[in-house]
């Protein structure tokens, strides 16, 4: 049996949940008289149904109600009856969302088939395996938001197991990391319910074998741009961040992939990182510049450590300067030289002669190549104010 300690608020007259704890036997010594403005401890399970429903309605979030539901079967029934929605929104209190709470609710307390929506975004205490077990127990989940859950992003294999457990999944929002354009990633993107918010592409560790054709990103571009047969947006429309990090050098056509990804109105990517390409060709950078000309959403572009030359910097400069949303460009550790820095400076010059302001310009160019002239100090990669 469980007890709820309640107090009357002097300002609003409302009820506040103070704690939930096992009810203790009555004390042998009479307690001191309670203050006039406080409630005595009341056993929730003995309250009339309408009074219990009123108490549950006072709780600040659905997570509080679900904590009450974990105390006993009768309280769980009461919470289920008062629950006006069929959504389990643990993201409202992510610090309370643990594997124990999620599994106790989905495997034990809540009736099978009760949950239609599960939102666990930002619940970093949860594990991927616990979420998969919860999906297996509540197979009626139609909407699942699993972004930033636990440690690291989901793998395609993990997300495919969650999808296989659900009978009528309509929207799955998540972040994902993959070894290149792997076949599990391509199968994941082919599912009409998948909405990836972040995609991280890795190359295998030294000595590990990469799946055949996984380093060729042409198939991944096609998968991201392909609209589902029944209509709706292509997978690229939900992406907000793409990170090739240090993987660009281990994946064929990395710059071509980035250019193709950013081209088109359906692309909503706001943050993109690509580094590690041993020799970024002028043609590839020109294609990237052309894609940026038609892009309206990219805010941060990181192209460090790609051996971008002065000519490559000139091919990119005009598109970068005229982009309506871009506020951060990183070119560190690229040999753009004086002429590349001058081209970028000229592109950033406004019609009235003033410079479009970038912060930390000198440091960015110093990282690109040791500075020996003041010209190199005046342009680079940083944040547009």
Protein backbone atom coordinates (compact mmCIF):
# COMPACT_ATOMS: atom_id res chain seq x y z
CA UNK A 1 0.00 0.00 0.00
CA UNK A 2 1.26 3.51 -0.71
CA UNK A 3 0.90 6.79 1.08
CA UNK A 4 0.89 10.28 -0.39
CA UNK A 5 1.96 13.26 1.69
CA UNK A 6 -0.06 16.31 0.67
CA UNK A 7 -0.14 19.90 1.77
CA UNK A 8 -2.56 22.74 1.07
CA UNK A 9 -0.95 25.66 -0.77
CA UNK A 10 -1.72 28.93 0.92
CA UNK A 11 -1.76 30.77 -2.41
CA UNK A 12 -3.61 28.50 -4.79
CA UNK A 13 -5.26 25.92 -2.58
CA UNK A 14 -3.84 23.22 -4.86
CA UNK A 15 -2.36 19.87 -3.90
CA UNK A 16 1.35 19.14 -4.32
CA UNK A 17 2.95 15.70 -4.40
CA UNK A 18 5.68 15.58 -1.76
CA UNK A 19 6.71 11.94 -1.75
CA UNK A 20 5.57 8.39 -2.42
CA UNK A 21 6.68 5.79 0.08
CA UNK A 22 5.53 2.52 1.63
CA UNK A 23 2.94 3.14 4.31
CA UNK A 24 4.39 2.53 7.78
CA UNK A 25 2.50 1.08 10.74
CA UNK A 26 0.78 3.67 12.97
CA UNK A 27 3.21 5.08 15.57
CA UNK A 28 2.73 4.07 19.17
CA UNK A 29 3.16 7.66 20.30
CA UNK A 30 0.58 10.18 19.20
CA UNK A 31 2.07 12.58 16.67
CA UNK A 32 2.19 16.30 17.25
CA UNK A 33 -0.76 18.28 16.06
CA UNK A 34 -0.54 19.12 12.37
CA UNK A 35 -0.49 22.77 11.36
CA UNK A 36 -3.80 24.18 10.35
CA UNK A 37 -2.67 24.79 6.77
CA UNK A 38 -1.45 21.22 6.06
CA UNK A 39 -3.08 17.93 5.12
CA UNK A 40 -2.50 14.74 7.02
CA UNK A 41 -0.94 11.78 5.21
CA UNK A 42 -3.68 10.08 3.18
CA UNK A 43 -3.61 6.60 1.75
CA UNK A 44 -4.18 6.97 -1.98
CA UNK A 45 -5.65 3.53 -2.39
CA UNK A 46 -8.46 4.26 0.08
CA UNK A 47 -9.56 7.49 -1.61
CA UNK A 48 -12.84 7.49 -3.55
CA UNK A 49 -12.30 7.23 -7.29
CA UNK A 50 -13.30 10.84 -8.01
CA UNK A 51 -10.99 12.15 -5.26
CA UNK A 52 -8.10 10.04 -6.51
CA UNK A 53 -8.67 11.29 -10.05
CA UNK A 54 -8.57 14.86 -8.73
CA UNK A 55 -5.25 14.20 -6.94
CA UNK A 56 -3.71 12.66 -10.08
CA UNK A 57 -4.83 15.65 -12.11
CA UNK A 58 -2.76 17.91 -9.85
CA UNK A 59 0.51 16.18 -10.76
CA UNK A 60 2.79 18.30 -12.89
CA UNK A 61 3.56 15.83 -15.68
CA UNK A 62 2.66 12.45 -17.07
CA UNK A 63 5.93 11.10 -15.65
CA UNK A 64 4.71 11.89 -12.11
CA UNK A 65 1.51 9.99 -12.79
CA UNK A 66 3.46 7.05 -14.15
CA UNK A 67 5.65 6.98 -11.04
CA UNK A 68 2.45 6.67 -9.01
CA UNK A 69 1.30 3.88 -11.32
CA UNK A 70 4.42 1.88 -10.46
CA UNK A 71 3.49 1.73 -6.76
CA UNK A 72 0.67 -0.81 -6.99
CA UNK A 73 -1.73 -2.44 -9.42
CA UNK A 74 -4.77 -0.58 -8.11
CA UNK A 75 -3.03 2.77 -8.51
CA UNK A 76 -1.90 1.77 -11.97
CA UNK A 77 -5.53 1.07 -12.87
CA UNK A 78 -6.51 4.49 -11.54
CA UNK A 79 -3.78 6.20 -13.56
CA UNK A 80 -4.83 4.30 -16.70
CA UNK A 81 -8.45 5.43 -16.23
CA UNK A 82 -7.46 9.07 -15.69
CA UNK A 83 -4.96 9.06 -18.54
CA UNK A 84 -6.68 11.11 -21.23
CA UNK A 85 -3.97 10.41 -23.81
CA UNK A 86 -2.23 7.29 -25.01
CA UNK A 87 1.22 8.88 -25.06
CA UNK A 88 4.14 7.99 -22.82
CA UNK A 89 6.12 11.25 -22.75
CA UNK A 90 9.25 10.58 -20.72
CA UNK A 91 11.10 13.40 -22.47
CA UNK A 92 9.30 15.91 -20.22
CA UNK A 93 11.41 14.68 -17.27
CA UNK A 94 14.45 12.93 -18.79
CA UNK A 95 16.29 12.73 -15.45
CA UNK A 96 13.53 10.41 -14.18
CA UNK A 97 13.52 8.19 -17.26
CA UNK A 98 15.53 5.10 -16.38
CA UNK A 99 15.52 1.57 -17.75
CA UNK A 100 13.79 0.41 -14.57
CA UNK A 101 10.91 2.89 -14.92
CA UNK A 102 10.44 2.29 -18.65
CA UNK A 103 10.43 -1.48 -18.35
CA UNK A 104 8.28 -1.51 -15.21
CA UNK A 105 5.66 0.51 -17.06
CA UNK A 106 5.72 -1.13 -20.46
CA UNK A 107 6.28 -4.73 -19.37
CA UNK A 108 4.30 -4.75 -16.16
CA UNK A 109 2.06 -1.90 -15.07
CA UNK A 110 0.59 -0.47 -18.25
CA UNK A 111 -1.76 -2.67 -20.21
CA UNK A 112 -0.39 -4.08 -23.43
CA UNK A 113 -1.59 -1.98 -26.34
CA UNK A 114 -2.23 1.14 -24.22
CA UNK A 115 0.70 3.19 -25.58
CA UNK A 116 0.41 4.68 -29.06
CA UNK A 117 3.17 7.29 -28.73
CA UNK A 118 6.54 7.00 -26.95
CA UNK A 119 8.70 10.13 -26.61
CA UNK A 120 12.09 9.47 -25.01
CA UNK A 121 14.06 12.23 -26.71
CA UNK A 122 16.98 13.40 -24.58
CA UNK A 123 16.65 10.56 -22.07
CA UNK A 124 20.36 9.84 -21.73
CA UNK A 125 19.88 7.40 -18.83
CA UNK A 126 18.05 4.93 -21.04
CA UNK A 127 19.77 2.17 -22.99
CA UNK A 128 18.95 1.09 -26.52
CA UNK A 129 18.24 -2.47 -25.35
CA UNK A 130 15.64 -1.28 -22.83
CA UNK A 131 13.85 0.75 -25.51
CA UNK A 132 13.81 -2.31 -27.77
CA UNK A 133 12.28 -4.44 -25.00
CA UNK A 134 9.67 -1.75 -24.37
CA UNK A 135 8.77 -1.73 -28.07
CA UNK A 136 8.36 -5.51 -28.01
CA UNK A 137 5.95 -5.17 -25.07
CA UNK A 138 3.96 -2.27 -26.52
CA UNK A 139 3.70 -3.34 -30.14
CA UNK A 140 0.94 -0.79 -30.82
CA UNK A 141 3.33 2.19 -30.68
CA UNK A 142 2.75 4.30 -33.78
CA UNK A 143 5.03 7.27 -33.06
CA UNK A 144 8.46 6.93 -31.45
CA UNK A 145 10.88 9.80 -30.83
CA UNK A 146 14.25 8.29 -29.91
CA UNK A 147 16.71 11.12 -30.58
CA UNK A 148 19.66 11.53 -28.18
CA UNK A 149 18.85 8.40 -26.19
CA UNK A 150 21.58 6.86 -24.06
CA UNK A 151 25.22 6.95 -25.09
CA UNK A 152 25.95 7.58 -28.77
CA UNK A 153 23.64 7.39 -31.74
CA UNK A 154 21.60 4.36 -32.80
CA UNK A 155 23.08 1.94 -35.31
CA UNK A 156 20.92 0.94 -38.29
CA UNK A 157 20.76 -2.60 -36.91
CA UNK A 158 19.36 -1.38 -33.57
CA UNK A 159 16.70 0.75 -35.24
CA UNK A 160 15.70 -2.08 -37.55
CA UNK A 161 15.11 -4.30 -34.50
CA UNK A 162 12.81 -1.65 -33.00
CA UNK A 163 10.92 -1.35 -36.29
CA UNK A 164 10.50 -5.11 -36.50
CA UNK A 165 8.94 -5.17 -33.01
CA UNK A 166 6.17 -2.67 -33.84
CA UNK A 167 3.04 -3.62 -35.77
CA UNK A 168 1.85 -0.20 -36.97
CA UNK A 169 4.81 2.20 -36.80
CA UNK A 170 4.08 5.46 -38.60
CA UNK A 171 6.85 7.83 -37.48
CA UNK A 172 10.27 6.95 -36.05
CA UNK A 173 12.50 9.93 -35.25
CA UNK A 174 16.10 9.13 -34.33
CA UNK A 175 19.78 9.82 -34.86
CA UNK A 176 21.94 7.19 -36.54
CA UNK A 177 25.61 6.25 -37.03
CA UNK A 178 26.74 3.85 -39.71
CA UNK A 179 29.87 2.42 -41.31
CA UNK A 180 29.48 4.18 -44.62
CA UNK A 181 26.55 3.40 -46.88
CA UNK A 182 25.97 -0.01 -45.31
CA UNK A 183 23.11 -2.21 -46.46
CA UNK A 184 21.35 -1.95 -43.04
CA UNK A 185 21.41 1.86 -43.40
CA UNK A 186 19.92 1.66 -46.88
CA UNK A 187 17.18 -0.70 -45.62
CA UNK A 188 16.47 1.69 -42.76
CA UNK A 189 16.10 4.68 -45.08
CA UNK A 190 13.73 2.70 -47.29
CA UNK A 191 11.21 2.40 -44.44
CA UNK A 192 8.54 5.11 -44.86
CA UNK A 193 8.28 5.78 -41.11
CA UNK A 194 11.95 6.69 -40.59
CA UNK A 195 12.82 10.34 -39.89
CA UNK A 196 16.53 10.66 -39.17
CA UNK A 197 17.54 13.93 -37.51
CA UNK A 198 21.28 13.26 -37.47
CA UNK A 199 23.41 10.97 -39.63
CA UNK A 200 27.00 10.13 -38.69
CA UNK A 201 29.09 8.16 -41.20
CA UNK A 202 32.15 6.32 -39.91
CA UNK A 203 34.87 4.42 -41.66
CA UNK A 204 35.99 1.11 -40.16
CA UNK A 205 38.92 0.88 -37.81
CA UNK A 206 42.29 0.09 -39.30
CA UNK A 207 42.35 -3.54 -40.41
CA UNK A 208 38.56 -3.96 -40.39
CA UNK A 209 36.86 -4.80 -43.65
CA UNK A 210 34.29 -2.39 -45.05
CA UNK A 211 31.15 -3.91 -46.48
CA UNK A 212 31.36 -4.07 -50.30
CA UNK A 213 30.24 -0.78 -51.91
CA UNK A 214 29.66 0.83 -48.50
CA UNK A 215 32.34 3.39 -49.24
CA UNK A 216 30.49 4.46 -52.41
CA UNK A 217 28.02 7.13 -51.37
CA UNK A 218 26.05 7.28 -54.63
CA UNK A 219 23.55 4.72 -53.36
CA UNK A 220 23.19 6.64 -50.08
CA UNK A 221 22.45 9.87 -51.95
CA UNK A 222 19.73 8.11 -53.92
CA UNK A 223 18.24 6.60 -50.76
CA UNK A 224 18.12 9.97 -49.01
CA UNK A 225 16.53 11.69 -52.00
CA UNK A 226 14.01 8.95 -52.86
CA UNK A 227 10.41 9.73 -51.88
CA UNK A 228 8.31 6.90 -50.42
CA UNK A 229 5.96 5.13 -52.86
CA UNK A 230 2.87 6.25 -50.98
CA UNK A 231 3.84 9.91 -51.12
CA UNK A 232 5.38 12.23 -48.54
CA UNK A 233 8.81 13.73 -48.04
CA UNK A 234 12.12 12.10 -48.89
CA UNK A 235 14.33 11.08 -45.92
CA UNK A 236 16.63 14.07 -46.52
CA UNK A 237 13.81 16.44 -45.51
CA UNK A 238 14.05 15.39 -41.85
CA UNK A 239 17.86 15.56 -41.60
CA UNK A 240 19.29 18.46 -39.60
CA UNK A 241 22.89 17.33 -39.12
CA UNK A 242 25.30 15.25 -41.22
CA UNK A 243 28.74 14.39 -39.87
CA UNK A 244 31.39 12.68 -41.93
CA UNK A 245 33.98 13.85 -39.41
CA UNK A 246 37.30 12.21 -40.16
CA UNK A 247 35.58 9.64 -42.38
CA UNK A 248 35.63 11.63 -45.60
CA UNK A 249 39.02 10.27 -46.59
CA UNK A 250 37.81 6.69 -46.26
CA UNK A 251 34.62 7.07 -48.30
CA UNK A 252 34.61 7.48 -52.06
CA UNK A 253 32.91 10.56 -53.47
CA UNK A 254 32.53 12.34 -50.13
CA UNK A 255 32.47 15.86 -51.61
CA UNK A 256 30.14 14.75 -54.40
CA UNK A 257 27.84 13.24 -51.77
CA UNK A 258 27.77 16.48 -49.77
CA UNK A 259 27.07 18.57 -52.88
CA UNK A 260 24.24 16.27 -53.99
CA UNK A 261 22.80 16.21 -50.49
CA UNK A 262 22.67 20.02 -50.14
CA UNK A 263 21.19 20.59 -53.59
CA UNK A 264 17.43 20.92 -53.83
CA UNK A 265 14.74 22.64 -51.80
CA UNK A 266 13.86 19.53 -49.80
CA UNK A 267 17.20 19.57 -47.95
CA UNK A 268 16.89 21.07 -44.45
CA UNK A 269 20.37 20.19 -43.15
CA UNK A 270 21.63 22.91 -40.82
CA UNK A 271 25.01 21.51 -39.77
CA UNK A 272 27.46 19.60 -41.95
CA UNK A 273 31.02 18.41 -41.26
CA UNK A 274 33.45 16.78 -43.68
CA UNK A 275 37.17 16.30 -43.16
CA UNK A 276 39.97 13.91 -43.99
CA UNK A 277 39.76 14.07 -47.80
CA UNK A 278 43.32 13.84 -49.01
CA UNK A 279 42.85 16.03 -52.03
CA UNK A 280 39.65 17.97 -52.54
CA UNK A 281 39.49 18.73 -56.27
CA UNK A 282 38.54 22.12 -57.64
CA UNK A 283 35.69 20.47 -59.54
CA UNK A 284 34.28 18.98 -56.33
CA UNK A 285 34.46 22.34 -54.55
CA UNK A 286 32.83 24.07 -57.52
CA UNK A 287 29.99 21.53 -57.35
CA UNK A 288 29.65 22.22 -53.63
CA UNK A 289 29.53 25.95 -54.33
CA UNK A 290 26.79 25.42 -56.93
CA UNK A 291 24.79 23.40 -54.40
CA UNK A 292 25.17 26.16 -51.82
CA UNK A 293 23.81 28.70 -54.32
CA UNK A 294 20.44 26.95 -54.21
CA UNK A 295 20.52 26.05 -50.51
CA UNK A 296 18.71 28.18 -47.91
CA UNK A 297 19.07 26.26 -44.66
CA UNK A 298 22.71 25.35 -43.97
CA UNK A 299 24.04 27.25 -40.95
CA UNK A 300 27.36 25.55 -40.12
CA UNK A 301 29.85 24.10 -42.62
CA UNK A 302 33.09 22.49 -41.44
CA UNK A 303 35.65 21.55 -44.11
CA UNK A 304 38.86 21.26 -42.12
CA UNK A 305 41.77 18.99 -43.11
CA UNK A 306 40.74 18.43 -46.73
CA UNK A 307 43.82 19.85 -48.50
CA UNK A 308 41.72 22.62 -50.02
CA UNK A 309 43.98 24.71 -52.24
CA UNK A 310 43.84 28.40 -53.05
CA UNK A 311 42.01 27.61 -56.29
CA UNK A 312 39.52 25.46 -54.43
CA UNK A 313 38.95 28.26 -51.92
CA UNK A 314 38.23 30.66 -54.79
CA UNK A 315 35.71 28.19 -56.23
CA UNK A 316 33.86 28.14 -52.90
CA UNK A 317 34.19 31.77 -51.80
CA UNK A 318 31.35 33.43 -53.72
CA UNK A 319 28.74 30.83 -52.75
CA UNK A 320 29.78 31.02 -49.09
CA UNK A 321 29.59 34.81 -49.01
CA UNK A 322 26.13 35.01 -50.60
CA UNK A 323 24.51 32.21 -48.61
CA UNK A 324 21.52 33.61 -46.69
CA UNK A 325 21.74 31.35 -43.63
CA UNK A 326 25.39 30.27 -43.28
CA UNK A 327 26.94 31.73 -40.15
CA UNK A 328 29.88 29.41 -39.55
CA UNK A 329 32.56 28.22 -41.98
CA UNK A 330 35.55 26.19 -40.79
CA UNK A 331 38.57 25.80 -43.07
CA UNK A 332 41.29 25.01 -40.56
CA UNK A 333 44.35 23.04 -41.64
CA UNK A 334 43.84 23.72 -45.35
CA UNK A 335 46.66 25.24 -47.48
CA UNK A 336 44.51 28.02 -48.95
CA UNK A 337 47.53 30.38 -49.05
CA UNK A 338 47.44 34.15 -49.50
CA UNK A 339 45.47 34.08 -52.75
CA UNK A 340 42.75 31.88 -51.28
CA UNK A 341 42.48 34.10 -48.23
CA UNK A 342 42.30 37.18 -50.48
CA UNK A 343 39.53 35.61 -52.57
CA UNK A 344 37.53 34.84 -49.47
CA UNK A 345 38.08 38.38 -48.16
CA UNK A 346 36.97 39.89 -51.48
CA UNK A 347 33.85 37.73 -51.55
CA UNK A 348 32.94 38.83 -48.05
CA UNK A 349 33.25 42.53 -48.88
CA UNK A 350 29.90 44.30 -48.88
CA UNK A 351 28.85 46.75 -51.63
CA UNK A 352 29.57 49.74 -49.37
CA UNK A 353 33.13 48.57 -48.84
CA UNK A 354 32.63 47.17 -45.35
CA UNK A 355 33.57 43.57 -44.62
CA UNK A 356 30.91 41.00 -43.78
CA UNK A 357 32.07 40.31 -40.27
CA UNK A 358 33.56 36.99 -39.21
CA UNK A 359 34.89 36.47 -35.71
CA UNK A 360 38.21 34.80 -34.94
CA UNK A 361 39.42 35.20 -38.53
CA UNK A 362 43.12 35.39 -37.69
CA UNK A 363 43.08 32.19 -35.64
CA UNK A 364 41.25 30.31 -38.38
CA UNK A 365 43.74 31.28 -41.07
CA UNK A 366 46.66 30.57 -38.75
CA UNK A 367 45.31 27.03 -38.42
CA UNK A 368 44.92 26.76 -42.17
CA UNK A 369 48.62 27.55 -42.72
CA UNK A 370 51.21 29.38 -40.59
CA UNK A 371 50.59 33.06 -41.30
CA UNK A 372 53.40 35.15 -42.77
CA UNK A 373 51.43 38.12 -44.05
CA UNK A 374 48.73 40.40 -42.73
CA UNK A 375 46.50 39.50 -45.67
CA UNK A 376 46.18 35.95 -44.36
CA UNK A 377 45.12 37.35 -41.01
CA UNK A 378 42.02 39.03 -42.45
CA UNK A 379 39.92 36.10 -43.73
CA UNK A 380 39.15 32.54 -42.83
CA UNK A 381 36.67 30.38 -41.12
CA UNK A 382 34.59 31.34 -38.14
CA UNK A 383 31.24 32.69 -37.07
CA UNK A 384 29.30 35.34 -38.94
CA UNK A 385 27.77 37.91 -36.64
